[in-house]
């Protein structure tokens, strides 16, 4: 798509317009697989075997026969703007601009105990010079899958975990913490302690067309909480948001002006009709439809959030809002919003949910629940593939996989990290659907994977 068409019509990240409706219609099939207690490999691509990167020769992954990959964008590599690539690669999306692929990639950087960070970009455009997270943009050749150029595109934020693409050509990056200027505050969910110059816990918007560092403007009316990911419904402009904390809410932001998120809007939290305070973390039934409504959050930017990360959640809970376990990945596909609960379910190994906007509140359905780590271990980032399946990044213990979930509810293994035990993150597809991009968070690198996608569920 050329630049003029992009600006006039907008573009979605690869795969964002496609969905997996069959997951609900065949939910009984998914439940059968759960009852067996093992991963059903039907729908996959066959045995995973160690493979060397085509461009460097490094052996980092196992993949099915016929698949290849390149590696680039490593932590510490010098970028085109002269800066060094930051660490902690996380959420990401792929966009098509001027015949090239642009990846906007998060860096979940957090300072060490008792230390402050340092902004990765310039002072003029950074939000907080004591904050070392943000985003980088990578321009990739779609034919060679090689890196052409990379640079800092957002600076002065922290713990940029996931986010989501918008239909109007931006990436929303989310801060997974409510840290701020108060000394001694417990930093996110770890033991780190830090004091920053400014409040954190916001979303920021990054233009995919930017060729340098975007001015960092916090989208405060979208809420100050422990953000994880977002997904935009292109028909309404409503932005759905997940919260990564033990007792989490599922939120939506209704902008006053669609596509203009900074112009303000209304923040709401999901509630299940007739079931005030429904705890979805256990004893849920695959395929059961829950009718939803939404309750207003009045104080979207509470000053107490620095020391009370649940300050927004508690407002929704008091009105009967539903409770989830650590909501992480979130992606739009074919009229639905898909989201993960990393530690939800009776086995505490993860749940895959689907929300559909309809009527006055919409419907929520549990699509899949992991019975054990062997099937699915702590699902984190997700995306919908152009062919209709879900690509799921694990963030559990030990060996890490990218799993696939087919339209009829079958789960399979697609890729394994054989470099270390670090999580996969940022799965997304190129606009033409031929390349999957994914990160390994530590030591920090980006992979481009391609092959015979038509043979399986992705």
Protein backbone atom coordinates (compact mmCIF):
# COMPACT_ATOMS: atom_id res chain seq x y z
CA UNK A 1 0.00 0.00 0.00
CA UNK A 2 1.46 3.39 -0.89
CA UNK A 3 1.69 6.18 1.67
CA UNK A 4 -1.22 8.21 0.28
CA UNK A 5 -3.57 5.19 0.28
CA UNK A 6 -2.41 4.34 3.78
CA UNK A 7 -3.29 7.80 5.08
CA UNK A 8 -6.63 7.90 3.27
CA UNK A 9 -7.89 4.44 4.06
CA UNK A 10 -5.85 3.19 6.98
CA UNK A 11 -4.37 -0.27 7.37
CA UNK A 12 -4.45 -3.03 9.95
CA UNK A 13 -1.60 -5.16 11.14
CA UNK A 14 -1.25 -8.46 9.32
CA UNK A 15 -4.04 -10.89 10.09
CA UNK A 16 -6.13 -8.44 12.08
CA UNK A 17 -9.19 -8.68 9.83
CA UNK A 18 -9.52 -12.44 10.01
CA UNK A 19 -11.10 -14.52 12.74
CA UNK A 20 -11.80 -17.93 14.16
CA UNK A 21 -15.56 -18.26 14.47
CA UNK A 22 -15.38 -22.04 14.49
CA UNK A 23 -13.87 -22.06 17.96
CA UNK A 24 -17.26 -21.51 19.54
CA UNK A 25 -19.30 -23.62 17.16
CA UNK A 26 -16.98 -26.54 17.87
CA UNK A 27 -16.26 -25.79 21.51
CA UNK A 28 -17.16 -29.37 22.46
CA UNK A 29 -14.21 -30.54 20.38
CA UNK A 30 -11.87 -28.32 22.38
CA UNK A 31 -13.32 -29.66 25.61
CA UNK A 32 -12.70 -33.24 24.46
CA UNK A 33 -9.04 -32.43 23.99
CA UNK A 34 -8.93 -30.92 27.47
CA UNK A 35 -10.46 -34.03 28.98
CA UNK A 36 -7.70 -36.12 27.44
CA UNK A 37 -5.15 -33.96 29.24
CA UNK A 38 -2.74 -33.85 26.30
CA UNK A 39 -2.08 -31.49 23.43
CA UNK A 40 -3.79 -32.63 20.25
CA UNK A 41 -1.28 -32.12 17.47
CA UNK A 42 -3.82 -32.42 14.65
CA UNK A 43 -3.98 -29.16 12.77
CA UNK A 44 -0.26 -28.59 13.26
CA UNK A 45 2.63 -28.87 10.84
CA UNK A 46 4.33 -32.00 12.05
CA UNK A 47 7.40 -32.75 14.13
CA UNK A 48 9.51 -29.83 15.35
CA UNK A 49 13.21 -30.13 14.47
CA UNK A 50 16.21 -27.89 15.27
CA UNK A 51 16.79 -25.31 12.55
CA UNK A 52 19.55 -22.80 11.86
CA UNK A 53 18.76 -19.19 11.06
CA UNK A 54 19.06 -18.67 7.32
CA UNK A 55 20.90 -15.35 7.63
CA UNK A 56 23.26 -16.03 10.57
CA UNK A 57 23.48 -19.81 10.97
CA UNK A 58 22.53 -19.65 14.66
CA UNK A 59 20.49 -22.54 16.02
CA UNK A 60 17.70 -20.89 18.04
CA UNK A 61 14.45 -22.70 17.21
CA UNK A 62 12.81 -25.97 16.41
CA UNK A 63 10.30 -25.68 13.56
CA UNK A 64 8.33 -28.06 11.32
CA UNK A 65 9.71 -29.19 7.97
CA UNK A 66 9.58 -26.51 5.28
CA UNK A 67 9.89 -23.52 7.62
CA UNK A 68 12.83 -21.13 7.75
CA UNK A 69 13.72 -18.05 9.77
CA UNK A 70 15.97 -15.01 9.99
CA UNK A 71 17.11 -13.25 13.15
CA UNK A 72 17.84 -9.54 13.63
CA UNK A 73 17.26 -6.58 15.95
CA UNK A 74 19.29 -7.93 18.83
CA UNK A 75 19.82 -6.15 22.14
CA UNK A 76 22.95 -4.03 21.91
CA UNK A 77 23.02 -3.84 18.11
CA UNK A 78 23.65 -0.32 16.82
CA UNK A 79 20.54 1.07 15.13
CA UNK A 80 20.31 3.43 12.17
CA UNK A 81 19.79 6.41 14.51
CA UNK A 82 23.07 5.66 16.26
CA UNK A 83 21.49 4.33 19.43
CA UNK A 84 21.87 0.81 20.77
CA UNK A 85 18.93 -1.57 20.57
CA UNK A 86 17.24 -1.71 24.01
CA UNK A 87 16.61 -4.98 25.85
CA UNK A 88 13.46 -6.88 26.84
CA UNK A 89 11.71 -7.26 23.45
CA UNK A 90 7.96 -7.72 23.96
CA UNK A 91 4.68 -6.88 22.16
CA UNK A 92 4.80 -6.00 18.47
CA UNK A 93 2.76 -5.52 15.29
CA UNK A 94 3.57 -5.48 11.57
CA UNK A 95 2.32 -2.86 9.10
CA UNK A 96 2.75 -2.39 5.35
CA UNK A 97 4.07 1.02 4.27
CA UNK A 98 5.55 1.94 0.87
CA UNK A 99 6.16 -1.68 -0.09
CA UNK A 100 8.08 -2.44 3.10
CA UNK A 101 7.13 -4.03 6.41
CA UNK A 102 7.30 -1.84 9.48
CA UNK A 103 7.46 -3.52 12.87
CA UNK A 104 6.76 -1.45 15.97
CA UNK A 105 8.29 -3.30 18.92
CA UNK A 106 7.94 -2.81 22.66
CA UNK A 107 10.78 -2.93 25.18
CA UNK A 108 9.66 -4.05 28.65
CA UNK A 109 12.60 -2.32 30.33
CA UNK A 110 12.57 -1.91 34.10
CA UNK A 111 15.44 -0.57 36.23
CA UNK A 112 17.36 -2.67 38.67
CA UNK A 113 16.60 -2.49 42.37
CA UNK A 114 17.27 0.95 43.78
CA UNK A 115 18.27 2.40 40.41
CA UNK A 116 16.68 4.72 37.90
CA UNK A 117 16.54 4.15 34.22
CA UNK A 118 17.66 6.44 31.43
CA UNK A 119 15.47 7.35 28.49
CA UNK A 120 16.47 5.66 25.24
CA UNK A 121 15.58 8.72 23.12
CA UNK A 122 16.09 12.46 23.16
CA UNK A 123 14.87 14.76 25.94
CA UNK A 124 12.64 16.81 23.62
CA UNK A 125 10.33 13.87 22.82
CA UNK A 126 10.74 11.62 25.88
CA UNK A 127 7.99 11.42 28.47
CA UNK A 128 10.26 10.77 31.49
CA UNK A 129 14.04 10.94 31.24
CA UNK A 130 14.37 8.53 34.21
CA UNK A 131 12.41 5.81 32.36
CA UNK A 132 14.31 3.40 30.12
CA UNK A 133 11.52 1.65 28.19
CA UNK A 134 9.71 2.53 25.00
CA UNK A 135 9.44 1.27 21.43
CA UNK A 136 11.66 0.80 18.40
CA UNK A 137 10.56 0.65 14.78
CA UNK A 138 12.15 -1.79 12.34
CA UNK A 139 11.82 -1.56 8.56
CA UNK A 140 12.09 -5.00 6.94
CA UNK A 141 12.35 -6.07 3.30
CA UNK A 142 9.31 -8.33 2.64
CA UNK A 143 11.19 -10.49 0.11
CA UNK A 144 14.49 -11.12 1.90
CA UNK A 145 13.04 -10.75 5.43
CA UNK A 146 16.18 -8.78 6.28
CA UNK A 147 16.41 -5.61 8.36
CA UNK A 148 16.77 -2.38 6.38
CA UNK A 149 16.61 0.26 9.12
CA UNK A 150 15.69 0.63 12.80
CA UNK A 151 15.33 3.48 15.27
CA UNK A 152 13.78 4.58 18.58
CA UNK A 153 10.13 5.53 18.04
CA UNK A 154 8.98 6.17 21.65
CA UNK A 155 11.06 7.07 24.69
CA UNK A 156 10.69 7.77 28.40
CA UNK A 157 8.20 5.07 29.37
CA UNK A 158 8.63 1.90 31.45
CA UNK A 159 7.61 -1.75 31.34
CA UNK A 160 6.22 -1.51 27.81
CA UNK A 161 4.76 -4.98 27.80
CA UNK A 162 2.22 -5.41 25.02
CA UNK A 163 -0.18 -3.13 23.17
CA UNK A 164 -2.00 -3.35 19.87
CA UNK A 165 -2.30 -1.99 16.31
CA UNK A 166 -5.00 0.47 15.28
CA UNK A 167 -6.89 0.67 11.97
CA UNK A 168 -5.57 4.21 11.44
CA UNK A 169 -1.91 3.24 11.34
CA UNK A 170 -0.60 3.53 14.87
CA UNK A 171 0.67 1.22 17.59
CA UNK A 172 -0.64 1.67 21.13
CA UNK A 173 2.02 0.68 23.65
CA UNK A 174 1.03 -0.10 27.23
CA UNK A 175 2.88 0.44 30.51
CA UNK A 176 2.51 -2.61 32.75
CA UNK A 177 3.03 -0.74 36.03
CA UNK A 178 1.68 2.22 38.00
CA UNK A 179 5.06 3.30 39.37
CA UNK A 180 5.69 6.99 39.95
CA UNK A 181 7.54 9.64 41.97
CA UNK A 182 6.85 8.19 45.43
CA UNK A 183 10.07 6.78 46.96
CA UNK A 184 10.06 3.17 48.08
CA UNK A 185 7.09 2.08 46.01
CA UNK A 186 7.11 -1.61 45.10
CA UNK A 187 7.87 -1.69 41.41
CA UNK A 188 5.25 -3.62 39.45
CA UNK A 189 5.01 -7.25 40.61
CA UNK A 190 8.72 -7.77 41.24
CA UNK A 191 10.96 -6.81 44.14
CA UNK A 192 12.43 -3.82 42.31
CA UNK A 193 12.01 -0.42 43.93
CA UNK A 194 12.30 2.79 41.97
CA UNK A 195 11.34 6.47 41.99
CA UNK A 196 10.55 8.19 38.70
CA UNK A 197 10.12 11.81 37.70
CA UNK A 198 6.55 11.25 36.47
CA UNK A 199 3.54 9.03 37.04
CA UNK A 200 3.35 5.88 34.93
CA UNK A 201 0.65 3.35 34.10
CA UNK A 202 -0.58 4.82 30.82
CA UNK A 203 -0.94 4.01 27.14
CA UNK A 204 0.99 5.89 24.45
CA UNK A 205 0.36 6.06 20.69
CA UNK A 206 3.13 5.66 18.10
CA UNK A 207 2.60 6.49 14.42
CA UNK A 208 3.86 3.74 12.12
CA UNK A 209 4.72 6.46 9.58
CA UNK A 210 7.15 8.16 11.95
CA UNK A 211 10.79 8.00 10.88
CA UNK A 212 12.08 9.02 14.28
CA UNK A 213 11.08 9.40 17.91
CA UNK A 214 7.39 10.25 18.41
CA UNK A 215 6.45 12.85 21.00
CA UNK A 216 5.39 10.76 24.01
CA UNK A 217 1.91 11.83 25.17
CA UNK A 218 0.18 9.74 27.88
CA UNK A 219 -3.41 8.81 27.03
CA UNK A 220 -4.61 9.39 30.56
CA UNK A 221 -8.32 8.97 29.97
CA UNK A 222 -7.72 5.38 28.90
CA UNK A 223 -6.95 4.70 32.56
CA UNK A 224 -3.99 4.40 34.89
CA UNK A 225 -3.57 0.75 35.81
CA UNK A 226 -1.29 -2.23 35.14
CA UNK A 227 -1.87 -2.28 31.38
CA UNK A 228 -1.00 -5.23 29.16
CA UNK A 229 -2.56 -5.16 25.68
CA UNK A 230 -5.24 -3.48 23.58
CA UNK A 231 -7.38 -4.41 20.59
CA UNK A 232 -9.37 -1.95 18.47
CA UNK A 233 -12.73 -2.77 16.88
CA UNK A 234 -12.42 -1.06 13.46
CA UNK A 235 -16.20 -0.79 13.07
CA UNK A 236 -16.68 1.29 16.22
CA UNK A 237 -13.26 2.64 17.14
CA UNK A 238 -13.69 1.22 20.65
CA UNK A 239 -10.42 0.14 22.27
CA UNK A 240 -10.50 -2.96 24.49
CA UNK A 241 -7.84 -3.27 27.19
CA UNK A 242 -6.41 -6.03 29.37
CA UNK A 243 -4.89 -5.72 32.84
CA UNK A 244 -1.98 -7.91 33.96
CA UNK A 245 -2.44 -8.39 37.68
CA UNK A 246 -3.74 -11.23 39.86
CA UNK A 247 -7.28 -9.84 40.07
CA UNK A 248 -7.72 -8.19 36.70
CA UNK A 249 -10.49 -6.41 34.86
CA UNK A 250 -11.35 -6.28 31.17
CA UNK A 251 -11.92 -2.70 30.00
CA UNK A 252 -13.10 -0.73 27.02
CA UNK A 253 -12.40 2.86 26.07
CA UNK A 254 -15.02 4.64 23.98
CA UNK A 255 -13.30 7.66 22.39
CA UNK A 256 -15.20 10.91 21.96
CA UNK A 257 -13.73 11.09 18.47
CA UNK A 258 -12.90 7.75 16.84
CA UNK A 259 -9.23 7.59 15.81
CA UNK A 260 -8.47 10.55 18.13
CA UNK A 261 -7.76 8.81 21.41
CA UNK A 262 -6.12 11.85 23.00
CA UNK A 263 -9.37 13.80 22.59
CA UNK A 264 -10.88 11.98 25.58
CA UNK A 265 -13.52 9.36 26.05
CA UNK A 266 -15.24 7.02 28.49
CA UNK A 267 -13.55 4.14 30.36
CA UNK A 268 -15.65 1.14 31.37
CA UNK A 269 -15.12 -2.30 32.92
CA UNK A 270 -16.90 -5.51 31.91
CA UNK A 271 -19.63 -7.02 34.08
CA UNK A 272 -21.46 -10.30 33.43
CA UNK A 273 -25.23 -9.82 33.54
CA UNK A 274 -26.88 -11.44 36.53
CA UNK A 275 -23.53 -12.50 38.02
CA UNK A 276 -22.09 -9.61 40.00
CA UNK A 277 -18.39 -10.04 40.66
CA UNK A 278 -18.14 -13.25 38.60
CA UNK A 279 -14.73 -14.83 39.20
CA UNK A 280 -13.74 -16.30 35.85
CA UNK A 281 -10.48 -17.78 37.13
CA UNK A 282 -11.98 -21.18 37.99
CA UNK A 283 -14.90 -23.52 37.38
CA UNK A 284 -15.79 -22.05 34.00
CA UNK A 285 -17.31 -24.04 31.13
CA UNK A 286 -15.84 -24.02 27.62
CA UNK A 287 -18.40 -22.72 25.13
CA UNK A 288 -20.81 -21.21 27.67
CA UNK A 289 -22.08 -17.79 26.57
CA UNK A 290 -22.05 -14.98 29.15
CA UNK A 291 -24.09 -11.84 28.44
CA UNK A 292 -22.18 -8.70 29.31
CA UNK A 293 -22.72 -5.12 30.33
CA UNK A 294 -20.25 -2.34 31.13
CA UNK A 295 -19.88 -0.15 34.22
CA UNK A 296 -18.37 3.33 34.18
CA UNK A 297 -15.03 4.13 35.81
CA UNK A 298 -15.31 7.63 37.24
CA UNK A 299 -11.75 8.26 38.39
CA UNK A 300 -9.68 7.03 35.46
CA UNK A 301 -6.41 8.58 36.66
CA UNK A 302 -6.40 8.09 40.44
CA UNK A 303 -3.55 9.75 42.29
CA UNK A 304 -3.47 6.76 44.64
CA UNK A 305 -2.55 4.36 41.80
CA UNK A 306 1.19 4.75 42.46
CA UNK A 307 0.86 2.80 45.70
CA UNK A 308 -2.48 1.12 44.93
CA UNK A 309 -2.26 -0.47 41.45
CA UNK A 310 -5.85 -1.75 41.75
CA UNK A 311 -7.35 1.72 42.24
CA UNK A 312 -9.17 1.57 38.88
CA UNK A 313 -10.10 -2.11 39.19
CA UNK A 314 -11.67 -1.61 42.63
CA UNK A 315 -14.07 0.96 41.17
CA UNK A 316 -15.35 -1.57 38.66
CA UNK A 317 -15.40 -4.41 41.18
CA UNK A 318 -17.58 -2.34 43.52
CA UNK A 319 -20.17 -2.22 40.72
CA UNK A 320 -20.09 -5.98 40.11
CA UNK A 321 -17.35 -6.10 37.49
CA UNK A 322 -16.04 -9.51 36.41
CA UNK A 323 -12.71 -10.76 37.82
CA UNK A 324 -10.08 -12.36 35.60
CA UNK A 325 -6.68 -13.83 36.32
CA UNK A 326 -3.81 -11.86 34.76
CA UNK A 327 -5.21 -10.78 31.42
CA UNK A 328 -2.41 -10.48 28.87
CA UNK A 329 -2.63 -10.91 25.08
CA UNK A 330 -5.48 -9.19 23.23
CA UNK A 331 -6.16 -9.10 19.47
CA UNK A 332 -9.01 -8.18 17.12
CA UNK A 333 -10.08 -10.65 14.44
CA UNK A 334 -13.15 -10.94 12.22
CA UNK A 335 -15.51 -9.05 14.49
CA UNK A 336 -14.25 -10.46 17.79
CA UNK A 337 -11.75 -9.64 20.51
CA UNK A 338 -9.55 -12.52 21.67
CA UNK A 339 -7.81 -12.36 25.04
CA UNK A 340 -5.68 -14.55 27.29
CA UNK A 341 -5.76 -15.13 31.02
CA UNK A 342 -2.21 -16.28 31.72
CA UNK A 343 -2.92 -18.09 35.00
CA UNK A 344 -6.67 -18.62 34.68
CA UNK A 345 -8.42 -21.97 34.83
CA UNK A 346 -8.64 -24.77 37.36
CA UNK A 347 -5.08 -25.84 36.58
CA UNK A 348 -3.91 -22.19 36.61
CA UNK A 349 -2.18 -22.75 33.26
CA UNK A 350 -4.21 -20.38 31.11
CA UNK A 351 -7.49 -19.58 29.40
CA UNK A 352 -8.35 -18.24 25.94
CA UNK A 353 -11.45 -15.99 25.85
CA UNK A 354 -13.49 -14.39 23.07
CA UNK A 355 -15.59 -11.26 23.39
CA UNK A 356 -18.14 -10.29 20.73
CA UNK A 357 -19.73 -6.85 20.69
CA UNK A 358 -23.46 -7.16 20.04
CA UNK A 359 -26.64 -5.68 21.41
CA UNK A 360 -26.28 -3.50 24.48
CA UNK A 361 -23.30 -5.24 26.04
CA UNK A 362 -21.90 -8.14 24.06
CA UNK A 363 -21.03 -11.76 24.80
CA UNK A 364 -18.07 -13.47 26.45
CA UNK A 365 -17.13 -17.10 25.77
CA UNK A 366 -14.35 -19.32 27.12
CA UNK A 367 -12.78 -20.92 24.05
CA UNK A 368 -10.02 -22.98 25.60
CA UNK A 369 -8.65 -23.83 29.04
CA UNK A 370 -5.32 -25.54 29.55
CA UNK A 371 -5.35 -28.63 31.77
CA UNK A 372 -1.54 -28.76 32.10
CA UNK A 373 1.69 -27.05 31.10
CA UNK A 374 2.26 -29.79 28.51
CA UNK A 375 -0.77 -28.52 26.58
CA UNK A 376 -0.40 -24.78 27.05
CA UNK A 377 1.77 -23.06 29.67
CA UNK A 378 0.86 -19.47 30.60
CA UNK A 379 -0.40 -17.97 27.31
CA UNK A 380 0.81 -14.39 26.90
CA UNK A 381 0.88 -12.44 23.60
CA UNK A 382 -1.52 -13.64 20.91
CA UNK A 383 -2.47 -12.76 17.36
CA UNK A 384 -4.96 -13.97 14.76
CA UNK A 385 -3.31 -15.39 11.65
CA UNK A 386 -4.59 -14.49 8.17
CA UNK A 387 -5.73 -18.10 7.77
CA UNK A 388 -7.87 -17.99 10.90
CA UNK A 389 -5.89 -19.59 13.74
CA UNK A 390 -4.45 -18.12 16.91
CA UNK A 391 -0.69 -17.89 17.42
CA UNK A 392 -0.03 -18.00 21.17
CA UNK A 393 3.24 -17.10 22.88
CA UNK A 394 3.98 -18.95 26.10
CA UNK A 395 5.43 -17.32 29.21
CA UNK A 396 5.63 -20.22 31.62
CA UNK A 397 8.42 -22.19 33.24
CA UNK A 398 11.12 -24.16 31.44
CA UNK A 399 10.82 -24.85 27.72
CA UNK A 400 8.90 -22.17 25.83
CA UNK A 401 6.72 -22.68 22.75
CA UNK A 402 4.66 -20.80 20.24
CA UNK A 403 1.42 -22.78 20.15
CA UNK A 404 -1.32 -22.71 17.55
CA UNK A 405 -5.05 -22.99 18.15
CA UNK A 406 -7.11 -24.01 15.12
CA UNK A 407 -10.58 -22.75 14.18
CA UNK A 408 -12.08 -26.02 15.44
CA UNK A 409 -10.36 -25.89 18.82
CA UNK A 410 -7.26 -28.04 18.31
CA UNK A 411 -4.01 -26.95 19.92
CA UNK A 412 -0.56 -27.76 18.58
CA UNK A 413 3.09 -26.77 18.92
CA UNK A 414 4.58 -24.63 16.15
CA UNK A 415 7.96 -23.38 17.44
CA UNK A 416 10.22 -24.07 20.42
CA UNK A 417 12.91 -21.85 21.90
CA UNK A 418 16.05 -24.01 22.16
CA UNK A 419 18.36 -21.08 22.91
CA UNK A 420 17.23 -20.61 26.53
CA UNK A 421 14.11 -20.59 28.72
CA UNK A 422 13.05 -17.04 27.84
CA UNK A 423 9.51 -16.31 26.76
CA UNK A 424 8.27 -15.73 23.23
CA UNK A 425 6.51 -12.39 22.72
CA UNK A 426 5.06 -10.14 20.06
CA UNK A 427 3.72 -12.69 17.58
CA UNK A 428 2.25 -11.02 14.50
CA UNK A 429 1.96 -11.58 10.74
CA UNK A 430 3.04 -9.45 7.82
CA UNK A 431 0.16 -7.82 5.91
CA UNK A 432 0.48 -10.41 3.12
CA UNK A 433 0.32 -13.21 5.69
CA UNK A 434 3.52 -14.88 4.52
CA UNK A 435 5.79 -14.04 7.45
CA UNK A 436 5.32 -14.46 11.18
CA UNK A 437 7.38 -12.14 13.33
CA UNK A 438 8.04 -13.00 16.97
CA UNK A 439 10.48 -11.97 19.70
CA UNK A 440 12.49 -13.89 22.26
CA UNK A 441 12.51 -11.49 25.17
CA UNK A 442 15.93 -12.30 26.67
CA UNK A 443 18.60 -11.58 25.57
CA UNK A 444 16.32 -9.76 23.13
CA UNK A 445 16.00 -10.58 19.43
CA UNK A 446 13.40 -10.62 16.65
CA UNK A 447 12.66 -13.56 14.35
CA UNK A 448 11.03 -13.66 10.91
CA UNK A 449 9.55 -17.10 10.15
CA UNK A 450 8.12 -18.27 6.82
CA UNK A 451 7.06 -21.49 5.16
CA UNK A 452 4.06 -23.55 3.98
CA UNK A 453 1.40 -21.95 6.20
CA UNK A 454 -1.40 -23.46 4.14
CA UNK A 455 -0.52 -26.95 5.42
CA UNK A 456 -1.78 -26.29 8.96
CA UNK A 457 -3.82 -24.22 11.35
CA UNK A 458 -1.88 -20.98 11.13
